[in-house]
Amino acid sequence: MRTTDTVTISLPAELADEVDRIALQEGRTRSELFREAFRQYADRRRRWNQLFAYGEARAAAGHLTEERLTSAVGARRRSRRPTAH
């Protein structure tokens, strides 16, 4: 049974050079770097999807409207502004 699949990607030369430079610095292979990068991407995407699903559920329950959200964000931003002396 095969435990890995091979995937071929194309990169601009500058990005490929950067991948090689980082791999050398970290003592890792290109494959290791791309696996880690994708894991981080997938995790971040999963967390964003959870956040959006939560927001949609709250909105559907009547607890959050776009207007209330915009107002709350504006109030928070105003409260964090430094005061003029």
N, C-alpha and C. Protein backbone atom coordinates (compact mmCIF):
# COMPACT_ATOMS: atom_id res chain seq x y z
N MET A 1 0.84 -1.19 0.00
CA MET A 1 0.00 0.00 0.00
C MET A 1 0.88 1.24 0.00
N ARG A 2 0.58 2.18 -0.87
CA ARG A 2 1.34 3.41 -0.99
C ARG A 2 0.96 4.37 0.13
N THR A 3 1.97 5.01 0.75
CA THR A 3 1.70 5.93 1.86
C THR A 3 1.82 7.39 1.43
N THR A 4 2.34 7.65 0.24
CA THR A 4 2.46 9.03 -0.24
C THR A 4 2.04 9.10 -1.70
N ASP A 5 1.66 10.29 -2.13
CA ASP A 5 1.39 10.59 -3.53
C ASP A 5 2.39 11.64 -3.97
N THR A 6 2.76 11.60 -5.22
CA THR A 6 3.65 12.61 -5.77
C THR A 6 2.81 13.66 -6.48
N VAL A 7 3.10 14.93 -6.19
CA VAL A 7 2.41 16.05 -6.80
C VAL A 7 3.47 16.94 -7.43
N THR A 8 3.25 17.35 -8.65
CA THR A 8 4.19 18.23 -9.34
C THR A 8 3.60 19.62 -9.38
N ILE A 9 4.42 20.63 -9.00
CA ILE A 9 3.97 22.01 -9.07
C ILE A 9 5.00 22.83 -9.83
N SER A 10 4.57 23.96 -10.33
CA SER A 10 5.47 24.89 -11.01
C SER A 10 5.58 26.14 -10.17
N LEU A 11 6.79 26.66 -10.04
CA LEU A 11 7.04 27.88 -9.28
C LEU A 11 7.84 28.85 -10.12
N PRO A 12 7.61 30.15 -9.93
CA PRO A 12 8.51 31.12 -10.56
C PRO A 12 9.92 30.88 -10.02
N ALA A 13 10.92 31.19 -10.82
CA ALA A 13 12.31 30.93 -10.45
C ALA A 13 12.68 31.55 -9.11
N GLU A 14 12.21 32.79 -8.86
CA GLU A 14 12.57 33.46 -7.61
C GLU A 14 12.01 32.71 -6.39
N LEU A 15 10.79 32.22 -6.52
CA LEU A 15 10.18 31.49 -5.41
C LEU A 15 10.88 30.14 -5.21
N ALA A 16 11.22 29.47 -6.30
CA ALA A 16 11.95 28.20 -6.20
C ALA A 16 13.30 28.41 -5.52
N ASP A 17 13.97 29.51 -5.86
CA ASP A 17 15.26 29.82 -5.22
C ASP A 17 15.07 30.05 -3.72
N GLU A 18 14.00 30.73 -3.36
CA GLU A 18 13.75 30.98 -1.94
C GLU A 18 13.44 29.68 -1.20
N VAL A 19 12.68 28.80 -1.84
CA VAL A 19 12.40 27.49 -1.24
C VAL A 19 13.71 26.76 -0.99
N ASP A 20 14.58 26.73 -1.98
CA ASP A 20 15.86 26.03 -1.84
C ASP A 20 16.72 26.65 -0.74
N ARG A 21 16.72 27.98 -0.67
CA ARG A 21 17.51 28.68 0.35
C ARG A 21 17.01 28.32 1.75
N ILE A 22 15.70 28.35 1.95
CA ILE A 22 15.13 28.04 3.25
C ILE A 22 15.36 26.57 3.60
N ALA A 23 15.17 25.69 2.62
CA ALA A 23 15.39 24.26 2.86
C ALA A 23 16.83 24.02 3.32
N LEU A 24 17.77 24.67 2.67
CA LEU A 24 19.17 24.52 3.05
C LEU A 24 19.42 25.05 4.46
N GLN A 25 18.88 26.23 4.76
CA GLN A 25 19.06 26.82 6.09
C GLN A 25 18.48 25.93 7.19
N GLU A 26 17.34 25.31 6.90
CA GLU A 26 16.65 24.51 7.92
C GLU A 26 17.03 23.03 7.86
N GLY A 27 17.84 22.64 6.90
CA GLY A 27 18.22 21.24 6.79
C GLY A 27 17.03 20.35 6.46
N ARG A 28 16.15 20.87 5.62
CA ARG A 28 14.94 20.13 5.24
C ARG A 28 14.90 19.99 3.73
N THR A 29 14.01 19.12 3.27
CA THR A 29 13.82 18.96 1.83
C THR A 29 12.70 19.89 1.37
N ARG A 30 12.65 20.08 0.05
CA ARG A 30 11.53 20.85 -0.52
C ARG A 30 10.20 20.22 -0.11
N SER A 31 10.14 18.91 -0.19
CA SER A 31 8.89 18.22 0.14
C SER A 31 8.47 18.50 1.57
N GLU A 32 9.42 18.47 2.49
CA GLU A 32 9.10 18.77 3.89
C GLU A 32 8.55 20.18 4.03
N LEU A 33 9.18 21.13 3.35
CA LEU A 33 8.71 22.52 3.43
C LEU A 33 7.30 22.65 2.87
N PHE A 34 7.03 22.04 1.73
CA PHE A 34 5.71 22.16 1.13
C PHE A 34 4.65 21.43 1.96
N ARG A 35 5.01 20.29 2.55
CA ARG A 35 4.04 19.60 3.42
C ARG A 35 3.66 20.49 4.60
N GLU A 36 4.68 21.10 5.23
CA GLU A 36 4.43 21.98 6.37
C GLU A 36 3.61 23.20 5.95
N ALA A 37 3.96 23.79 4.82
CA ALA A 37 3.22 24.96 4.34
C ALA A 37 1.76 24.60 4.09
N PHE A 38 1.52 23.44 3.48
CA PHE A 38 0.14 23.08 3.21
C PHE A 38 -0.61 22.76 4.50
N ARG A 39 0.05 22.09 5.44
CA ARG A 39 -0.61 21.82 6.73
C ARG A 39 -1.06 23.13 7.39
N GLN A 40 -0.16 24.12 7.38
CA GLN A 40 -0.50 25.41 7.98
C GLN A 40 -1.64 26.08 7.22
N TYR A 41 -1.58 26.04 5.90
CA TYR A 41 -2.65 26.62 5.08
C TYR A 41 -3.99 25.94 5.38
N ALA A 42 -3.99 24.62 5.37
CA ALA A 42 -5.23 23.87 5.60
C ALA A 42 -5.78 24.16 7.00
N ASP A 43 -4.91 24.24 8.00
CA ASP A 43 -5.35 24.53 9.36
C ASP A 43 -5.96 25.93 9.44
N ARG A 44 -5.28 26.90 8.84
CA ARG A 44 -5.79 28.28 8.84
C ARG A 44 -7.14 28.34 8.13
N ARG A 45 -7.26 27.67 7.01
CA ARG A 45 -8.52 27.66 6.26
C ARG A 45 -9.64 27.02 7.08
N ARG A 46 -9.30 25.93 7.76
CA ARG A 46 -10.29 25.24 8.60
C ARG A 46 -10.79 26.17 9.71
N ARG A 47 -9.84 26.90 10.34
CA ARG A 47 -10.22 27.83 11.42
C ARG A 47 -11.08 28.97 10.89
N TRP A 48 -10.74 29.53 9.71
CA TRP A 48 -11.56 30.58 9.12
C TRP A 48 -12.96 30.05 8.80
N ASN A 49 -13.04 28.85 8.25
CA ASN A 49 -14.35 28.26 7.95
C ASN A 49 -15.18 28.10 9.21
N GLN A 50 -14.54 27.68 10.30
CA GLN A 50 -15.26 27.56 11.57
C GLN A 50 -15.76 28.91 12.05
N LEU A 51 -14.91 29.93 11.91
CA LEU A 51 -15.29 31.27 12.33
C LEU A 51 -16.47 31.78 11.51
N PHE A 52 -16.42 31.60 10.19
CA PHE A 52 -17.53 32.04 9.35
C PHE A 52 -18.80 31.27 9.66
N ALA A 53 -18.68 29.98 9.89
CA ALA A 53 -19.85 29.17 10.24
C ALA A 53 -20.46 29.65 11.55
N TYR A 54 -19.63 29.98 12.52
CA TYR A 54 -20.12 30.51 13.79
C TYR A 54 -20.87 31.82 13.57
N GLY A 55 -20.27 32.72 12.77
CA GLY A 55 -20.91 34.01 12.49
C GLY A 55 -22.24 33.82 11.79
N GLU A 56 -22.29 32.92 10.83
CA GLU A 56 -23.54 32.66 10.12
C GLU A 56 -24.59 32.08 11.05
N ALA A 57 -24.18 31.19 11.95
CA ALA A 57 -25.13 30.61 12.90
C ALA A 57 -25.67 31.67 13.85
N ARG A 58 -24.79 32.56 14.32
CA ARG A 58 -25.23 33.65 15.20
C ARG A 58 -26.18 34.58 14.47
N ALA A 59 -25.85 34.89 13.23
CA ALA A 59 -26.70 35.78 12.44
C ALA A 59 -28.07 35.13 12.24
N ALA A 60 -28.07 33.85 11.94
CA ALA A 60 -29.33 33.14 11.72
C ALA A 60 -30.17 33.09 12.99
N ALA A 61 -29.51 33.07 14.14
CA ALA A 61 -30.23 33.02 15.41
C ALA A 61 -30.72 34.41 15.83
N GLY A 62 -30.42 35.42 15.00
CA GLY A 62 -30.89 36.76 15.29
C GLY A 62 -30.01 37.55 16.24
N HIS A 63 -28.85 37.04 16.53
CA HIS A 63 -27.96 37.71 17.47
C HIS A 63 -26.99 38.67 16.80
N LEU A 64 -26.88 38.59 15.49
CA LEU A 64 -25.88 39.40 14.81
C LEU A 64 -26.41 39.84 13.46
N THR A 65 -26.37 41.13 13.23
CA THR A 65 -26.70 41.66 11.91
C THR A 65 -25.48 42.40 11.39
N GLU A 66 -25.45 42.62 10.10
CA GLU A 66 -24.31 43.35 9.53
C GLU A 66 -24.22 44.75 10.13
N GLU A 67 -25.37 45.38 10.34
CA GLU A 67 -25.39 46.73 10.92
C GLU A 67 -24.84 46.73 12.35
N ARG A 68 -25.26 45.77 13.17
CA ARG A 68 -24.76 45.70 14.55
C ARG A 68 -23.26 45.41 14.57
N LEU A 69 -22.82 44.53 13.68
CA LEU A 69 -21.40 44.20 13.61
C LEU A 69 -20.58 45.42 13.21
N THR A 70 -21.03 46.12 12.17
CA THR A 70 -20.33 47.32 11.71
C THR A 70 -20.26 48.36 12.83
N SER A 71 -21.34 48.52 13.54
CA SER A 71 -21.39 49.47 14.64
C SER A 71 -20.42 49.06 15.75
N ALA A 72 -20.40 47.79 16.10
CA ALA A 72 -19.53 47.31 17.17
C ALA A 72 -18.05 47.46 16.79
N VAL A 73 -17.72 47.15 15.55
CA VAL A 73 -16.34 47.29 15.09
C VAL A 73 -15.94 48.76 15.12
N GLY A 74 -16.82 49.63 14.65
CA GLY A 74 -16.53 51.07 14.67
C GLY A 74 -16.31 51.58 16.08
N ALA A 75 -17.17 51.16 17.01
CA ALA A 75 -17.03 51.59 18.40
C ALA A 75 -15.72 51.10 19.00
N ARG A 76 -15.36 49.87 18.71
CA ARG A 76 -14.11 49.32 19.23
C ARG A 76 -12.91 50.07 18.68
N ARG A 77 -12.93 50.36 17.39
CA ARG A 77 -11.82 51.09 16.78
C ARG A 77 -11.70 52.49 17.37
N ARG A 78 -12.84 53.15 17.57
CA ARG A 78 -12.79 54.49 18.16
C ARG A 78 -12.24 54.44 19.57
N SER A 79 -12.56 53.41 20.32
CA SER A 79 -12.09 53.32 21.71
C SER A 79 -10.60 53.05 21.80
N ARG A 80 -10.01 52.51 20.73
CA ARG A 80 -8.58 52.19 20.74
C ARG A 80 -7.71 53.32 20.19
N ARG A 81 -8.33 54.37 19.64
CA ARG A 81 -7.56 55.49 19.09
C ARG A 81 -6.91 56.28 20.23
N PRO A 82 -5.68 56.69 19.99
CA PRO A 82 -5.03 57.52 21.02
C PRO A 82 -5.73 58.87 21.09
N THR A 83 -5.81 59.40 22.27
CA THR A 83 -6.44 60.72 22.45
C THR A 83 -5.43 61.81 22.16
N ALA A 84 -5.90 62.89 21.55
CA ALA A 84 -5.01 64.04 21.25
C ALA A 84 -4.77 64.83 22.51
N HIS A 85 -3.56 65.31 22.68
CA HIS A 85 -3.21 66.08 23.87
C HIS A 85 -3.32 67.54 23.62
